[in-house]
Amino acid sequence: MEAAARRRQHPGAAGVQPGTSFLQARHSSIKAEEAAGTAPFHLDLWFYFTLQNWVLDFGRPIAMLVFPLEWFPLNKPSVGDYFHMAYNIITPFLLLKRLPAPPVGP
């Protein structure tokens, strides 16, 4: 039975601990246990993305109903388009928060 399980493994994955993905085993210098133990859940990012999603995605049709159509002629972007543009501009800045801070040098 063990021989059948070993045959199903990807070539080059011999000697890899169970629970380790193929890419992690081949391209990572840390063990799976270390990576799983050091990957925190970013509650602040989750909160920001949830708030952004509710305000900009859920609020877009509401804003389109509230603002008069005369403010947004057909040859200009609608209020929904502006909400979508804001979503696309704000998201990368929220993701920048995931980058590590640069070291402070002397």
PDB file of N, CA and C in Angstrom:
ATOM      1  N   MET A   1       0.817  -1.181   0.000  1.00  0.00           N
ATOM      2  CA  MET A   1       0.000   0.000   0.000  1.00  0.00           C
ATOM      3  C   MET A   1       0.872   1.259   0.000  1.00  0.00           C
ATOM      4  N   GLU A   2       1.977   1.215   0.713  1.00  0.00           N
ATOM      5  CA  GLU A   2       2.855   2.375   0.751  1.00  0.00           C
ATOM      6  C   GLU A   2       3.481   2.631  -0.618  1.00  0.00           C
ATOM      7  N   ALA A   3       3.745   1.562  -1.376  1.00  0.00           N
ATOM      8  CA  ALA A   3       4.320   1.725  -2.709  1.00  0.00           C
ATOM      9  C   ALA A   3       3.334   2.436  -3.630  1.00  0.00           C
ATOM     10  N   ALA A   4       2.046   2.142  -3.498  1.00  0.00           N
ATOM     11  CA  ALA A   4       1.039   2.811  -4.325  1.00  0.00           C
ATOM     12  C   ALA A   4       0.950   4.292  -3.973  1.00  0.00           C
ATOM     13  N   ALA A   5       1.035   4.603  -2.702  1.00  0.00           N
ATOM     14  CA  ALA A   5       0.997   5.995  -2.280  1.00  0.00           C
ATOM     15  C   ALA A   5       2.237   6.727  -2.751  1.00  0.00           C
ATOM     16  N   ARG A   6       3.391   6.062  -2.723  1.00  0.00           N
ATOM     17  CA  ARG A   6       4.627   6.695  -3.169  1.00  0.00           C
ATOM     18  C   ARG A   6       4.607   6.936  -4.676  1.00  0.00           C
ATOM     19  N   ARG A   7       3.956   6.043  -5.452  1.00  0.00           N
ATOM     20  CA  ARG A   7       3.866   6.224  -6.898  1.00  0.00           C
ATOM     21  C   ARG A   7       3.002   7.429  -7.252  1.00  0.00           C
ATOM     22  N   ARG A   8       2.013   7.756  -6.425  1.00  0.00           N
ATOM     23  CA  ARG A   8       1.132   8.885  -6.726  1.00  0.00           C
ATOM     24  C   ARG A   8       1.784  10.222  -6.433  1.00  0.00           C
ATOM     25  N   GLN A   9       2.855  10.229  -5.656  1.00  0.00           N
ATOM     26  CA  GLN A   9       3.519  11.485  -5.338  1.00  0.00           C
ATOM     27  C   GLN A   9       4.157  12.070  -6.588  1.00  0.00           C
ATOM     28  N   HIS A  10       4.285  13.369  -6.573  1.00  0.00           N
ATOM     29  CA  HIS A  10       4.931  14.052  -7.684  1.00  0.00           C
ATOM     30  C   HIS A  10       6.414  13.731  -7.679  1.00  0.00           C
ATOM     31  N   PRO A  11       7.018  13.536  -8.857  1.00  0.00           N
ATOM     32  CA  PRO A  11       8.453  13.270  -8.867  1.00  0.00           C
ATOM     33  C   PRO A  11       9.195  14.464  -8.279  1.00  0.00           C
ATOM     34  N   GLY A  12      10.161  14.187  -7.487  1.00  0.00           N
ATOM     35  CA  GLY A  12      10.911  15.256  -6.828  1.00  0.00           C
ATOM     36  C   GLY A  12      10.351  15.594  -5.468  1.00  0.00           C
ATOM     37  N   ALA A  13       9.234  14.983  -5.106  1.00  0.00           N
ATOM     38  CA  ALA A  13       8.623  15.258  -3.812  1.00  0.00           C
ATOM     39  C   ALA A  13       9.016  14.207  -2.781  1.00  0.00           C
ATOM     40  N   ALA A  14       9.927  13.324  -3.140  1.00  0.00           N
ATOM     41  CA  ALA A  14      10.357  12.294  -2.196  1.00  0.00           C
ATOM     42  C   ALA A  14      11.083  12.944  -1.032  1.00  0.00           C
ATOM     43  N   GLY A  15      10.794  12.495   0.152  1.00  0.00           N
ATOM     44  CA  GLY A  15      11.426  13.047   1.345  1.00  0.00           C
ATOM     45  C   GLY A  15      10.751  14.302   1.857  1.00  0.00           C
ATOM     46  N   VAL A  16       9.673  14.715   1.247  1.00  0.00           N
ATOM     47  CA  VAL A  16       8.945  15.906   1.668  1.00  0.00           C
ATOM     48  C   VAL A  16       7.946  15.508   2.741  1.00  0.00           C
ATOM     49  N   GLN A  17       7.848  16.340   3.766  1.00  0.00           N
ATOM     50  CA  GLN A  17       6.935  16.036   4.852  1.00  0.00           C
ATOM     51  C   GLN A  17       5.490  16.158   4.383  1.00  0.00           C
ATOM     52  N   PRO A  18       4.587  15.348   4.941  1.00  0.00           N
ATOM     53  CA  PRO A  18       3.176  15.447   4.564  1.00  0.00           C
ATOM     54  C   PRO A  18       2.620  16.818   4.922  1.00  0.00           C
ATOM     55  N   GLY A  19       1.715  17.304   4.106  1.00  0.00           N
ATOM     56  CA  GLY A  19       1.112  18.609   4.354  1.00  0.00           C
ATOM     57  C   GLY A  19       1.862  19.751   3.712  1.00  0.00           C
ATOM     58  N   THR A  20       2.963  19.462   3.048  1.00  0.00           N
ATOM     59  CA  THR A  20       3.745  20.483   2.386  1.00  0.00           C
ATOM     60  C   THR A  20       3.376  20.495   0.912  1.00  0.00           C
ATOM     61  N   SER A  21       3.069  21.666   0.379  1.00  0.00           N
ATOM     62  CA  SER A  21       2.711  21.735  -1.030  1.00  0.00           C
ATOM     63  C   SER A  21       3.949  21.530  -1.892  1.00  0.00           C
ATOM     64  N   PHE A  22       3.720  21.165  -3.155  1.00  0.00           N
ATOM     65  CA  PHE A  22       4.818  20.892  -4.078  1.00  0.00           C
ATOM     66  C   PHE A  22       5.694  22.130  -4.256  1.00  0.00           C
ATOM     67  N   LEU A  23       5.068  23.297  -4.491  1.00  0.00           N
ATOM     68  CA  LEU A  23       5.852  24.505  -4.712  1.00  0.00           C
ATOM     69  C   LEU A  23       6.604  24.919  -3.455  1.00  0.00           C
ATOM     70  N   GLN A  24       5.968  24.741  -2.318  1.00  0.00           N
ATOM     71  CA  GLN A  24       6.623  25.099  -1.078  1.00  0.00           C
ATOM     72  C   GLN A  24       7.824  24.194  -0.830  1.00  0.00           C
ATOM     73  N   ALA A  25       7.685  22.919  -1.170  1.00  0.00           N
ATOM     74  CA  ALA A  25       8.775  21.976  -0.965  1.00  0.00           C
ATOM     75  C   ALA A  25       9.939  22.273  -1.892  1.00  0.00           C
ATOM     76  N   ARG A  26       9.668  22.739  -3.087  1.00  0.00           N
ATOM     77  CA  ARG A  26      10.730  22.939  -4.068  1.00  0.00           C
ATOM     78  C   ARG A  26      11.344  24.321  -3.998  1.00  0.00           C
ATOM     79  N   HIS A  27      10.566  25.338  -3.614  1.00  0.00           N
ATOM     80  CA  HIS A  27      11.032  26.709  -3.744  1.00  0.00           C
ATOM     81  C   HIS A  27      11.096  27.480  -2.435  1.00  0.00           C
ATOM     82  N   SER A  28      10.897  26.839  -1.332  1.00  0.00           N
ATOM     83  CA  SER A  28      10.874  27.542  -0.066  1.00  0.00           C
ATOM     84  C   SER A  28      12.052  27.107   0.794  1.00  0.00           C
ATOM     85  N   SER A  29      12.595  28.068   1.527  1.00  0.00           N
ATOM     86  CA  SER A  29      13.703  27.742   2.409  1.00  0.00           C
ATOM     87  C   SER A  29      13.232  27.513   3.840  1.00  0.00           C
ATOM     88  N   ILE A  30      11.918  27.656   4.100  1.00  0.00           N
ATOM     89  CA  ILE A  30      11.393  27.417   5.441  1.00  0.00           C
ATOM     90  C   ILE A  30      10.479  26.211   5.419  1.00  0.00           C
ATOM     91  N   LYS A  31      10.313  25.600   6.549  1.00  0.00           N
ATOM     92  CA  LYS A  31       9.454  24.419   6.658  1.00  0.00           C
ATOM     93  C   LYS A  31       7.993  24.831   6.733  1.00  0.00           C
ATOM     94  N   ALA A  32       7.105  23.899   6.411  1.00  0.00           N
ATOM     95  CA  ALA A  32       5.667  24.179   6.402  1.00  0.00           C
ATOM     96  C   ALA A  32       5.174  24.560   7.787  1.00  0.00           C
ATOM     97  N   GLU A  33       5.710  23.912   8.832  1.00  0.00           N
ATOM     98  CA  GLU A  33       5.262  24.225  10.188  1.00  0.00           C
ATOM     99  C   GLU A  33       5.639  25.654  10.566  1.00  0.00           C
ATOM    100  N   GLU A  34       6.845  26.099  10.133  1.00  0.00           N
ATOM    101  CA  GLU A  34       7.268  27.453  10.446  1.00  0.00           C
ATOM    102  C   GLU A  34       6.399  28.467   9.710  1.00  0.00           C
ATOM    103  N   ALA A  35       6.080  28.181   8.453  1.00  0.00           N
ATOM    104  CA  ALA A  35       5.268  29.114   7.668  1.00  0.00           C
ATOM    105  C   ALA A  35       3.860  29.203   8.237  1.00  0.00           C
ATOM    106  N   ALA A  36       3.280  28.085   8.629  1.00  0.00           N
ATOM    107  CA  ALA A  36       1.927  28.095   9.170  1.00  0.00           C
ATOM    108  C   ALA A  36       1.889  28.789  10.525  1.00  0.00           C
ATOM    109  N   GLY A  37       2.937  28.667  11.297  1.00  0.00           N
ATOM    110  CA  GLY A  37       2.968  29.278  12.619  1.00  0.00           C
ATOM    111  C   GLY A  37       3.228  30.770  12.583  1.00  0.00           C
ATOM    112  N   THR A  38       3.813  31.298  11.492  1.00  0.00           N
ATOM    113  CA  THR A  38       4.168  32.706  11.445  1.00  0.00           C
ATOM    114  C   THR A  38       3.263  33.517  10.535  1.00  0.00           C
ATOM    115  N   ALA A  39       2.220  32.921   9.964  1.00  0.00           N
ATOM    116  CA  ALA A  39       1.323  33.654   9.077  1.00  0.00           C
ATOM    117  C   ALA A  39       0.110  34.139   9.880  1.00  0.00           C
ATOM    118  N   PRO A  40       0.160  35.390  10.347  1.00  0.00           N
ATOM    119  CA  PRO A  40      -0.957  35.886  11.158  1.00  0.00           C
ATOM    120  C   PRO A  40      -2.135  36.286  10.276  1.00  0.00           C
ATOM    121  N   PHE A  41      -3.325  36.276  10.859  1.00  0.00           N
ATOM    122  CA  PHE A  41      -4.509  36.780  10.174  1.00  0.00           C
ATOM    123  C   PHE A  41      -4.550  38.283  10.378  1.00  0.00           C
ATOM    124  N   HIS A  42      -4.609  39.038   9.312  1.00  0.00           N
ATOM    125  CA  HIS A  42      -4.586  40.503   9.397  1.00  0.00           C
ATOM    126  C   HIS A  42      -6.009  41.025   9.535  1.00  0.00           C
ATOM    127  N   LEU A  43      -6.436  41.130  10.778  1.00  0.00           N
ATOM    128  CA  LEU A  43      -7.790  41.582  11.058  1.00  0.00           C
ATOM    129  C   LEU A  43      -8.016  43.006  10.565  1.00  0.00           C
ATOM    130  N   ASP A  44      -6.985  43.830  10.642  1.00  0.00           N
ATOM    131  CA  ASP A  44      -7.133  45.205  10.187  1.00  0.00           C
ATOM    132  C   ASP A  44      -7.385  45.261   8.684  1.00  0.00           C
ATOM    133  N   LEU A  45      -6.649  44.464   7.888  1.00  0.00           N
ATOM    134  CA  LEU A  45      -6.898  44.448   6.447  1.00  0.00           C
ATOM    135  C   LEU A  45      -8.278  43.890   6.135  1.00  0.00           C
ATOM    136  N   TRP A  46      -8.677  42.856   6.858  1.00  0.00           N
ATOM    137  CA  TRP A  46     -10.001  42.285   6.646  1.00  0.00           C
ATOM    138  C   TRP A  46     -11.064  43.350   6.910  1.00  0.00           C
ATOM    139  N   PHE A  47     -10.894  44.116   7.975  1.00  0.00           N
ATOM    140  CA  PHE A  47     -11.855  45.164   8.305  1.00  0.00           C
ATOM    141  C   PHE A  47     -11.884  46.240   7.222  1.00  0.00           C
ATOM    142  N   TYR A  48     -10.701  46.695   6.757  1.00  0.00           N
ATOM    143  CA  TYR A  48     -10.650  47.741   5.739  1.00  0.00           C
ATOM    144  C   TYR A  48     -11.286  47.279   4.424  1.00  0.00           C
ATOM    145  N   PHE A  49     -10.969  46.058   3.997  1.00  0.00           N
ATOM    146  CA  PHE A  49     -11.547  45.542   2.751  1.00  0.00           C
ATOM    147  C   PHE A  49     -13.053  45.324   2.877  1.00  0.00           C
ATOM    148  N   THR A  50     -13.505  44.889   4.042  1.00  0.00           N
ATOM    149  CA  THR A  50     -14.939  44.713   4.244  1.00  0.00           C
ATOM    150  C   THR A  50     -15.651  46.054   4.219  1.00  0.00           C
ATOM    151  N   LEU A  51     -15.111  47.035   4.897  1.00  0.00           N
ATOM    152  CA  LEU A  51     -15.702  48.375   4.901  1.00  0.00           C
ATOM    153  C   LEU A  51     -15.704  48.965   3.494  1.00  0.00           C
ATOM    154  N   GLN A  52     -14.591  48.821   2.802  1.00  0.00           N
ATOM    155  CA  GLN A  52     -14.500  49.335   1.436  1.00  0.00           C
ATOM    156  C   GLN A  52     -15.526  48.650   0.528  1.00  0.00           C
ATOM    157  N   ASN A  53     -15.665  47.362   0.680  1.00  0.00           N
ATOM    158  CA  ASN A  53     -16.611  46.631  -0.152  1.00  0.00           C
ATOM    159  C   ASN A  53     -18.044  47.078   0.132  1.00  0.00           C
ATOM    160  N   TRP A  54     -18.392  47.218   1.390  1.00  0.00           N
ATOM    161  CA  TRP A  54     -19.749  47.627   1.729  1.00  0.00           C
ATOM    162  C   TRP A  54     -20.040  49.046   1.257  1.00  0.00           C
ATOM    163  N   VAL A  55     -19.112  49.959   1.461  1.00  0.00           N
ATOM    164  CA  VAL A  55     -19.366  51.356   1.093  1.00  0.00           C
ATOM    165  C   VAL A  55     -19.372  51.531  -0.419  1.00  0.00           C
ATOM    166  N   LEU A  56     -18.360  50.992  -1.092  1.00  0.00           N
ATOM    167  CA  LEU A  56     -18.225  51.281  -2.515  1.00  0.00           C
ATOM    168  C   LEU A  56     -19.028  50.338  -3.412  1.00  0.00           C
ATOM    169  N   ASP A  57     -19.066  49.046  -3.102  1.00  0.00           N
ATOM    170  CA  ASP A  57     -19.818  48.127  -3.957  1.00  0.00           C
ATOM    171  C   ASP A  57     -21.305  48.124  -3.618  1.00  0.00           C
ATOM    172  N   PHE A  58     -21.616  48.015  -2.344  1.00  0.00           N
ATOM    173  CA  PHE A  58     -23.020  47.994  -1.934  1.00  0.00           C
ATOM    174  C   PHE A  58     -23.630  49.392  -2.041  1.00  0.00           C
ATOM    175  N   GLY A  59     -22.824  50.417  -1.815  1.00  0.00           N
ATOM    176  CA  GLY A  59     -23.333  51.791  -1.860  1.00  0.00           C
ATOM    177  C   GLY A  59     -23.466  52.356  -3.255  1.00  0.00           C
ATOM    178  N   ARG A  60     -22.855  51.702  -4.237  1.00  0.00           N
ATOM    179  CA  ARG A  60     -22.907  52.216  -5.609  1.00  0.00           C
ATOM    180  C   ARG A  60     -24.332  52.312  -6.145  1.00  0.00           C
ATOM    181  N   PRO A  61     -25.129  51.241  -6.103  1.00  0.00           N
ATOM    182  CA  PRO A  61     -26.502  51.396  -6.619  1.00  0.00           C
ATOM    183  C   PRO A  61     -27.350  52.348  -5.783  1.00  0.00           C
ATOM    184  N   ILE A  62     -27.079  52.429  -4.493  1.00  0.00           N
ATOM    185  CA  ILE A  62     -27.824  53.364  -3.640  1.00  0.00           C
ATOM    186  C   ILE A  62     -27.487  54.795  -4.038  1.00  0.00           C
ATOM    187  N   ALA A  63     -26.202  55.071  -4.282  1.00  0.00           N
ATOM    188  CA  ALA A  63     -25.800  56.410  -4.701  1.00  0.00           C
ATOM    189  C   ALA A  63     -26.384  56.757  -6.067  1.00  0.00           C
ATOM    190  N   MET A  64     -26.499  55.752  -6.939  1.00  0.00           N
ATOM    191  CA  MET A  64     -27.075  56.011  -8.254  1.00  0.00           C
ATOM    192  C   MET A  64     -28.557  56.375  -8.145  1.00  0.00           C
ATOM    193  N   LEU A  65     -29.230  55.868  -7.126  1.00  0.00           N
ATOM    194  CA  LEU A  65     -30.628  56.228  -6.910  1.00  0.00           C
ATOM    195  C   LEU A  65     -30.776  57.587  -6.240  1.00  0.00           C
ATOM    196  N   VAL A  66     -29.802  57.941  -5.402  1.00  0.00           N
ATOM    197  CA  VAL A  66     -29.901  59.176  -4.611  1.00  0.00           C
ATOM    198  C   VAL A  66     -29.514  60.409  -5.432  1.00  0.00           C
ATOM    199  N   PHE A  67     -28.399  60.329  -6.165  1.00  0.00           N
ATOM    200  CA  PHE A  67     -27.924  61.498  -6.904  1.00  0.00           C
ATOM    201  C   PHE A  67     -28.732  61.691  -8.185  1.00  0.00           C
ATOM    202  N   PRO A  68     -29.068  62.933  -8.504  1.00  0.00           N
ATOM    203  CA  PRO A  68     -29.871  63.171  -9.711  1.00  0.00           C
ATOM    204  C   PRO A  68     -29.073  62.867 -10.993  1.00  0.00           C
ATOM    205  N   LEU A  69     -29.770  62.369 -11.999  1.00  0.00           N
ATOM    206  CA  LEU A  69     -29.123  62.024 -13.261  1.00  0.00           C
ATOM    207  C   LEU A  69     -28.575  63.250 -13.981  1.00  0.00           C
ATOM    208  N   GLU A  70     -29.111  64.423 -13.703  1.00  0.00           N
ATOM    209  CA  GLU A  70     -28.631  65.639 -14.357  1.00  0.00           C
ATOM    210  C   GLU A  70     -27.180  65.942 -13.986  1.00  0.00           C
ATOM    211  N   TRP A  71     -26.744  65.473 -12.823  1.00  0.00           N
ATOM    212  CA  TRP A  71     -25.362  65.703 -12.408  1.00  0.00           C
ATOM    213  C   TRP A  71     -24.377  64.849 -13.209  1.00  0.00           C
ATOM    214  N   PHE A  72     -24.878  63.793 -13.814  1.00  0.00           N
ATOM    215  CA  PHE A  72     -24.020  62.854 -14.533  1.00  0.00           C
ATOM    216  C   PHE A  72     -24.571  62.623 -15.931  1.00  0.00           C
ATOM    217  N   PRO A  73     -24.279  63.543 -16.877  1.00  0.00           N
ATOM    218  CA  PRO A  73     -24.787  63.354 -18.243  1.00  0.00           C
ATOM    219  C   PRO A  73     -24.179  62.091 -18.881  1.00  0.00           C
ATOM    220  N   LEU A  74     -24.791  61.632 -19.951  1.00  0.00           N
ATOM    221  CA  LEU A  74     -24.394  60.364 -20.563  1.00  0.00           C
ATOM    222  C   LEU A  74     -22.978  60.388 -21.143  1.00  0.00           C
ATOM    223  N   ASN A  75     -22.450  61.575 -21.442  1.00  0.00           N
ATOM    224  CA  ASN A  75     -21.085  61.628 -21.981  1.00  0.00           C
ATOM    225  C   ASN A  75     -20.030  61.736 -20.874  1.00  0.00           C
ATOM    226  N   LYS A  76     -20.444  61.640 -19.625  1.00  0.00           N
ATOM    227  CA  LYS A  76     -19.531  61.663 -18.465  1.00  0.00           C
ATOM    228  C   LYS A  76     -19.725  60.393 -17.644  1.00  0.00           C
ATOM    229  N   PRO A  77     -18.743  60.043 -16.812  1.00  0.00           N
ATOM    230  CA  PRO A  77     -18.914  58.857 -15.949  1.00  0.00           C
ATOM    231  C   PRO A  77     -20.058  59.048 -14.958  1.00  0.00           C
ATOM    232  N   SER A  78     -20.737  57.957 -14.644  1.00  0.00           N
ATOM    233  CA  SER A  78     -21.836  58.022 -13.676  1.00  0.00           C
ATOM    234  C   SER A  78     -21.270  57.947 -12.262  1.00  0.00           C
ATOM    235  N   VAL A  79     -22.143  58.132 -11.282  1.00  0.00           N
ATOM    236  CA  VAL A  79     -21.708  58.043  -9.891  1.00  0.00           C
ATOM    237  C   VAL A  79     -21.204  56.639  -9.584  1.00  0.00           C
ATOM    238  N   GLY A  80     -21.794  55.625 -10.194  1.00  0.00           N
ATOM    239  CA  GLY A  80     -21.312  54.254 -10.015  1.00  0.00           C
ATOM    240  C   GLY A  80     -19.911  54.070 -10.564  1.00  0.00           C
ATOM    241  N   ASP A  81     -19.626  54.722 -11.678  1.00  0.00           N
ATOM    242  CA  ASP A  81     -18.274  54.651 -12.246  1.00  0.00           C
ATOM    243  C   ASP A  81     -17.256  55.310 -11.310  1.00  0.00           C
ATOM    244  N   TYR A  82     -17.637  56.415 -10.695  1.00  0.00           N
ATOM    245  CA  TYR A  82     -16.735  57.065  -9.741  1.00  0.00           C
ATOM    246  C   TYR A  82     -16.488  56.174  -8.514  1.00  0.00           C
ATOM    247  N   PHE A  83     -17.517  55.489  -8.053  1.00  0.00           N
ATOM    248  CA  PHE A  83     -17.340  54.549  -6.939  1.00  0.00           C
ATOM    249  C   PHE A  83     -16.389  53.426  -7.351  1.00  0.00           C
ATOM    250  N   HIS A  84     -16.547  52.940  -8.584  1.00  0.00           N
ATOM    251  CA  HIS A  84     -15.677  51.865  -9.063  1.00  0.00           C
ATOM    252  C   HIS A  84     -14.241  52.356  -9.203  1.00  0.00           C
ATOM    253  N   MET A  85     -14.048  53.580  -9.671  1.00  0.00           N
ATOM    254  CA  MET A  85     -12.695  54.143  -9.769  1.00  0.00           C
ATOM    255  C   MET A  85     -12.071  54.284  -8.387  1.00  0.00           C
ATOM    256  N   ALA A  86     -12.857  54.740  -7.423  1.00  0.00           N
ATOM    257  CA  ALA A  86     -12.338  54.868  -6.059  1.00  0.00           C
ATOM    258  C   ALA A  86     -11.929  53.505  -5.516  1.00  0.00           C
ATOM    259  N   TYR A  87     -12.717  52.485  -5.799  1.00  0.00           N
ATOM    260  CA  TYR A  87     -12.399  51.121  -5.364  1.00  0.00           C
ATOM    261  C   TYR A  87     -11.059  50.677  -5.942  1.00  0.00           C
ATOM    262  N   ASN A  88     -10.851  50.949  -7.232  1.00  0.00           N
ATOM    263  CA  ASN A  88      -9.607  50.546  -7.892  1.00  0.00           C
ATOM    264  C   ASN A  88      -8.406  51.359  -7.452  1.00  0.00           C
ATOM    265  N   ILE A  89      -8.613  52.544  -6.952  1.00  0.00           N
ATOM    266  CA  ILE A  89      -7.494  53.369  -6.475  1.00  0.00           C
ATOM    267  C   ILE A  89      -7.164  53.031  -5.022  1.00  0.00           C
ATOM    268  N   ILE A  90      -8.167  52.789  -4.199  1.00  0.00           N
ATOM    269  CA  ILE A  90      -7.946  52.551  -2.770  1.00  0.00           C
ATOM    270  C   ILE A  90      -7.362  51.164  -2.512  1.00  0.00           C
ATOM    271  N   THR A  91      -7.765  50.150  -3.273  1.00  0.00           N
ATOM    272  CA  THR A  91      -7.335  48.771  -3.024  1.00  0.00           C
ATOM    273  C   THR A  91      -5.816  48.601  -3.040  1.00  0.00           C
ATOM    274  N   PRO A  92      -5.072  49.119  -4.032  1.00  0.00           N
ATOM    275  CA  PRO A  92      -3.612  48.941  -3.982  1.00  0.00           C
ATOM    276  C   PRO A  92      -2.977  49.586  -2.754  1.00  0.00           C
ATOM    277  N   PHE A  93      -3.520  50.701  -2.298  1.00  0.00           N
ATOM    278  CA  PHE A  93      -2.953  51.332  -1.109  1.00  0.00           C
ATOM    279  C   PHE A  93      -3.207  50.488   0.141  1.00  0.00           C
ATOM    280  N   LEU A  94      -4.340  49.813   0.188  1.00  0.00           N
ATOM    281  CA  LEU A  94      -4.574  48.895   1.305  1.00  0.00           C
ATOM    282  C   LEU A  94      -3.617  47.708   1.232  1.00  0.00           C
ATOM    283  N   LEU A  95      -3.344  47.243   0.026  1.00  0.00           N
ATOM    284  CA  LEU A  95      -2.420  46.114  -0.130  1.00  0.00           C
ATOM    285  C   LEU A  95      -0.979  46.512   0.182  1.00  0.00           C
ATOM    286  N   LEU A  96      -0.633  47.772   0.026  1.00  0.00           N
ATOM    287  CA  LEU A  96       0.714  48.227   0.376  1.00  0.00           C
ATOM    288  C   LEU A  96       1.006  48.034   1.860  1.00  0.00           C
ATOM    289  N   LYS A  97      -0.044  47.982   2.652  1.00  0.00           N
ATOM    290  CA  LYS A  97       0.116  47.772   4.082  1.00  0.00           C
ATOM    291  C   LYS A  97       0.747  46.409   4.360  1.00  0.00           C
ATOM    292  N   ARG A  98       0.616  45.453   3.427  1.00  0.00           N
ATOM    293  CA  ARG A  98       1.186  44.107   3.600  1.00  0.00           C
ATOM    294  C   ARG A  98       2.693  44.082   3.391  1.00  0.00           C
ATOM    295  N   LEU A  99       3.247  45.096   2.736  1.00  0.00           N
ATOM    296  CA  LEU A  99       4.689  45.097   2.505  1.00  0.00           C
ATOM    297  C   LEU A  99       5.413  45.378   3.811  1.00  0.00           C
ATOM    298  N   PRO A 100       6.553  44.727   4.017  1.00  0.00           N
ATOM    299  CA  PRO A 100       7.301  44.995   5.246  1.00  0.00           C
ATOM    300  C   PRO A 100       7.879  46.407   5.226  1.00  0.00           C
ATOM    301  N   ALA A 101       7.986  46.974   6.399  1.00  0.00           N
ATOM    302  CA  ALA A 101       8.550  48.319   6.514  1.00  0.00           C
ATOM    303  C   ALA A 101      10.021  48.294   6.148  1.00  0.00           C
ATOM    304  N   PRO A 102      10.505  49.316   5.446  1.00  0.00           N
ATOM    305  CA  PRO A 102      11.919  49.331   5.101  1.00  0.00           C
ATOM    306  C   PRO A 102      12.763  49.494   6.355  1.00  0.00           C
ATOM    307  N   PRO A 103      13.942  48.882   6.377  1.00  0.00           N
ATOM    308  CA  PRO A 103      14.783  49.026   7.571  1.00  0.00           C
ATOM    309  C   PRO A 103      15.275  50.468   7.717  1.00  0.00           C
ATOM    310  N   VAL A 104      15.318  50.897   8.945  1.00  0.00           N
ATOM    311  CA  VAL A 104      15.790  52.260   9.230  1.00  0.00           C
ATOM    312  C   VAL A 104      17.303  52.170   9.368  1.00  0.00           C
ATOM    313  N   GLY A 105      17.971  52.841   8.461  1.00  0.00           N
ATOM    314  CA  GLY A 105      19.429  52.776   8.444  1.00  0.00           C
ATOM    315  C   GLY A 105      20.085  53.914   9.193  1.00  0.00           C
ATOM    316  N   PRO A 106      21.358  53.764   9.501  1.00  0.00           N
ATOM    317  CA  PRO A 106      22.075  54.840  10.224  1.00  0.00           C
ATOM    318  C   PRO A 106      22.401  55.985   9.334  1.00  0.00           C
TER     319      PRO A 106
END
